[in-house]
C-alpha atoms as a PDB file:
ATOM      1  CA  UNK A   1      84.233 124.274 178.457  1.00  0.00           C
ATOM      2  CA  UNK A   2      86.344 123.156 181.850  1.00  0.00           C
ATOM      3  CA  UNK A   3      86.105 125.341 184.854  1.00  0.00           C
ATOM      4  CA  UNK A   4      89.655 127.577 184.141  1.00  0.00           C
ATOM      5  CA  UNK A   5      89.703 127.486 180.699  1.00  0.00           C
ATOM      6  CA  UNK A   6      89.979 130.638 178.573  1.00  0.00           C
ATOM      7  CA  UNK A   7      87.266 131.880 176.731  1.00  0.00           C
ATOM      8  CA  UNK A   8      88.043 132.626 172.851  1.00  0.00           C
ATOM      9  CA  UNK A   9      87.532 136.318 172.813  1.00  0.00           C
ATOM     10  CA  UNK A  10      87.089 136.281 168.892  1.00  0.00           C
ATOM     11  CA  UNK A  11      89.350 138.689 167.907  1.00  0.00           C
ATOM     12  CA  UNK A  12      89.262 138.124 163.690  1.00  0.00           C
ATOM     13  CA  UNK A  13      85.522 139.458 164.528  1.00  0.00           C
ATOM     14  CA  UNK A  14      85.084 141.055 167.448  1.00  0.00           C
ATOM     15  CA  UNK A  15      86.796 144.935 168.233  1.00  0.00           C
ATOM     16  CA  UNK A  16      85.598 144.151 172.582  1.00  0.00           C
ATOM     17  CA  UNK A  17      84.185 141.745 174.761  1.00  0.00           C
ATOM     18  CA  UNK A  18      82.032 143.455 178.020  1.00  0.00           C
ATOM     19  CA  UNK A  19      81.073 140.764 181.123  1.00  0.00           C
ATOM     20  CA  UNK A  20      79.061 140.501 183.557  1.00  0.00           C
ATOM     21  CA  UNK A  21      78.458 137.612 186.281  1.00  0.00           C
ATOM     22  CA  UNK A  22      74.768 136.811 187.241  1.00  0.00           C
ATOM     23  CA  UNK A  23      73.292 134.223 188.861  1.00  0.00           C
ATOM     24  CA  UNK A  24      71.209 131.325 187.004  1.00  0.00           C
ATOM     25  CA  UNK A  25      68.491 129.771 187.220  1.00  0.00           C
ATOM     26  CA  UNK A  26      67.964 126.601 186.560  1.00  0.00           C
ATOM     27  CA  UNK A  27      64.513 124.423 186.332  1.00  0.00           C
ATOM     28  CA  UNK A  28      63.858 120.777 187.094  1.00  0.00           C
ATOM     29  CA  UNK A  29      60.551 120.506 185.595  1.00  0.00           C
ATOM     30  CA  UNK A  30      58.909 120.715 182.355  1.00  0.00           C
ATOM     31  CA  UNK A  31      56.987 123.986 182.551  1.00  0.00           C
ATOM     32  CA  UNK A  32      55.420 124.537 179.190  1.00  0.00           C
ATOM     33  CA  UNK A  33      51.833 126.445 179.135  1.00  0.00           C
ATOM     34  CA  UNK A  34      51.687 125.767 182.575  1.00  0.00           C
ATOM     35  CA  UNK A  35      49.033 127.007 184.651  1.00  0.00           C
ATOM     36  CA  UNK A  36      48.194 130.780 186.173  1.00  0.00           C
ATOM     37  CA  UNK A  37      48.657 130.870 190.206  1.00  0.00           C
ATOM     38  CA  UNK A  38      51.308 127.822 190.255  1.00  0.00           C
ATOM     39  CA  UNK A  39      54.607 130.035 192.082  1.00  0.00           C
ATOM     40  CA  UNK A  40      57.776 129.770 189.505  1.00  0.00           C
ATOM     41  CA  UNK A  41      59.788 128.411 192.221  1.00  0.00           C
ATOM     42  CA  UNK A  42      58.449 125.074 192.553  1.00  0.00           C
ATOM     43  CA  UNK A  43      60.107 124.631 188.988  1.00  0.00           C
ATOM     44  CA  UNK A  44      63.611 125.534 189.916  1.00  0.00           C
ATOM     45  CA  UNK A  45      66.107 122.930 190.587  1.00  0.00           C
ATOM     46  CA  UNK A  46      68.681 125.148 191.571  1.00  0.00           C
ATOM     47  CA  UNK A  47      71.111 127.566 190.186  1.00  0.00           C
ATOM     48  CA  UNK A  48      74.229 128.731 189.379  1.00  0.00           C
ATOM     49  CA  UNK A  49      77.277 131.077 188.070  1.00  0.00           C
ATOM     50  CA  UNK A  50      76.623 132.302 184.512  1.00  0.00           C
ATOM     51  CA  UNK A  51      79.091 134.455 182.157  1.00  0.00           C
ATOM     52  CA  UNK A  52      77.364 136.461 180.618  1.00  0.00           C
ATOM     53  CA  UNK A  53      80.183 137.733 177.109  1.00  0.00           C
ATOM     54  CA  UNK A  54      78.602 140.110 175.025  1.00  0.00           C
ATOM     55  CA  UNK A  55      81.267 141.538 171.949  1.00  0.00           C
ATOM     56  CA  UNK A  56      79.172 144.612 171.483  1.00  0.00           C
ATOM     57  CA  UNK A  57      80.195 145.927 167.473  1.00  0.00           C
ATOM     58  CA  UNK A  58      78.264 142.836 166.583  1.00  0.00           C
ATOM     59  CA  UNK A  59      75.097 143.437 168.338  1.00  0.00           C
ATOM     60  CA  UNK A  60      75.363 146.854 167.180  1.00  0.00           C
ATOM     61  CA  UNK A  61      76.640 146.206 163.145  1.00  0.00           C
ATOM     62  CA  UNK A  62      73.031 143.203 163.407  1.00  0.00           C
ATOM     63  CA  UNK A  63      69.553 144.126 163.747  1.00  0.00           C
ATOM     64  CA  UNK A  64      69.831 140.755 166.099  1.00  0.00           C
ATOM     65  CA  UNK A  65      71.470 141.888 169.643  1.00  0.00           C
ATOM     66  CA  UNK A  66      71.679 137.887 169.817  1.00  0.00           C
ATOM     67  CA  UNK A  67      74.800 137.998 167.204  1.00  0.00           C
ATOM     68  CA  UNK A  68      76.568 139.412 169.662  1.00  0.00           C
ATOM     69  CA  UNK A  69      75.834 136.495 172.131  1.00  0.00           C
ATOM     70  CA  UNK A  70      76.284 133.450 171.261  1.00  0.00           C
ATOM     71  CA  UNK A  71      79.775 132.561 169.374  1.00  0.00           C
ATOM     72  CA  UNK A  72      81.488 129.872 170.812  1.00  0.00           C
ATOM     73  CA  UNK A  73      82.039 130.356 174.723  1.00  0.00           C
ATOM     74  CA  UNK A  74      80.321 133.112 175.694  1.00  0.00           C
ATOM     75  CA  UNK A  75      77.980 131.797 177.693  1.00  0.00           C
ATOM     76  CA  UNK A  76      79.754 129.625 180.350  1.00  0.00           C
ATOM     77  CA  UNK A  77      78.585 128.479 183.659  1.00  0.00           C
ATOM     78  CA  UNK A  78      78.728 126.530 186.889  1.00  0.00           C
ATOM     79  CA  UNK A  79      80.875 124.434 187.665  1.00  0.00           C
ATOM     80  CA  UNK A  80      78.718 123.861 190.393  1.00  0.00           C
ATOM     81  CA  UNK A  81      74.918 123.815 191.116  1.00  0.00           C
ATOM     82  CA  UNK A  82      73.221 124.771 194.538  1.00  0.00           C
ATOM     83  CA  UNK A  83      70.197 123.720 195.383  1.00  0.00           C
ATOM     84  CA  UNK A  84      67.108 125.915 195.270  1.00  0.00           C
ATOM     85  CA  UNK A  85      66.342 124.663 199.064  1.00  0.00           C
ATOM     86  CA  UNK A  86      69.792 126.263 200.023  1.00  0.00           C
ATOM     87  CA  UNK A  87      68.622 129.883 199.550  1.00  0.00           C
ATOM     88  CA  UNK A  88      65.136 131.566 200.349  1.00  0.00           C
ATOM     89  CA  UNK A  89      63.280 132.855 197.296  1.00  0.00           C
ATOM     90  CA  UNK A  90      64.072 135.543 194.973  1.00  0.00           C
ATOM     91  CA  UNK A  91      68.148 134.307 196.018  1.00  0.00           C
ATOM     92  CA  UNK A  92      69.968 137.670 197.063  1.00  0.00           C
ATOM     93  CA  UNK A  93      73.487 137.060 196.496  1.00  0.00           C
ATOM     94  CA  UNK A  94      76.585 138.990 195.648  1.00  0.00           C
ATOM     95  CA  UNK A  95      77.493 138.347 192.461  1.00  0.00           C
ATOM     96  CA  UNK A  96      81.225 139.635 191.255  1.00  0.00           C
ATOM     97  CA  UNK A  97      83.337 138.575 188.336  1.00  0.00           C
ATOM     98  CA  UNK A  98      87.129 138.527 188.335  1.00  0.00           C
ATOM     99  CA  UNK A  99      89.267 139.327 185.169  1.00  0.00           C
ATOM    100  CA  UNK A 100      92.540 138.218 185.343  1.00  0.00           C
ATOM    101  CA  UNK A 101      92.702 137.325 188.963  1.00  0.00           C
END
């Protein structure tokens, strides 16, 4: 979805939405089965904003919490990436979410 587009609330199956603004870490290189001692930040390319949407009624009615977070449009990110060299690690940033302005 593009920046500024409306999120589909899936109100035909969702009775309420929760949301949280979060800092997303963008991994810039493979790190499967990494050797012990490697620093996590060596793998980081950069950061962006993520909107963590949750349909609590779907989460609580299933054994898997994933169902309440996996609907289309439920994890919009971006629209910008800031490379890791712009921040100290880990970054400590004030992150806020605004709904409808």
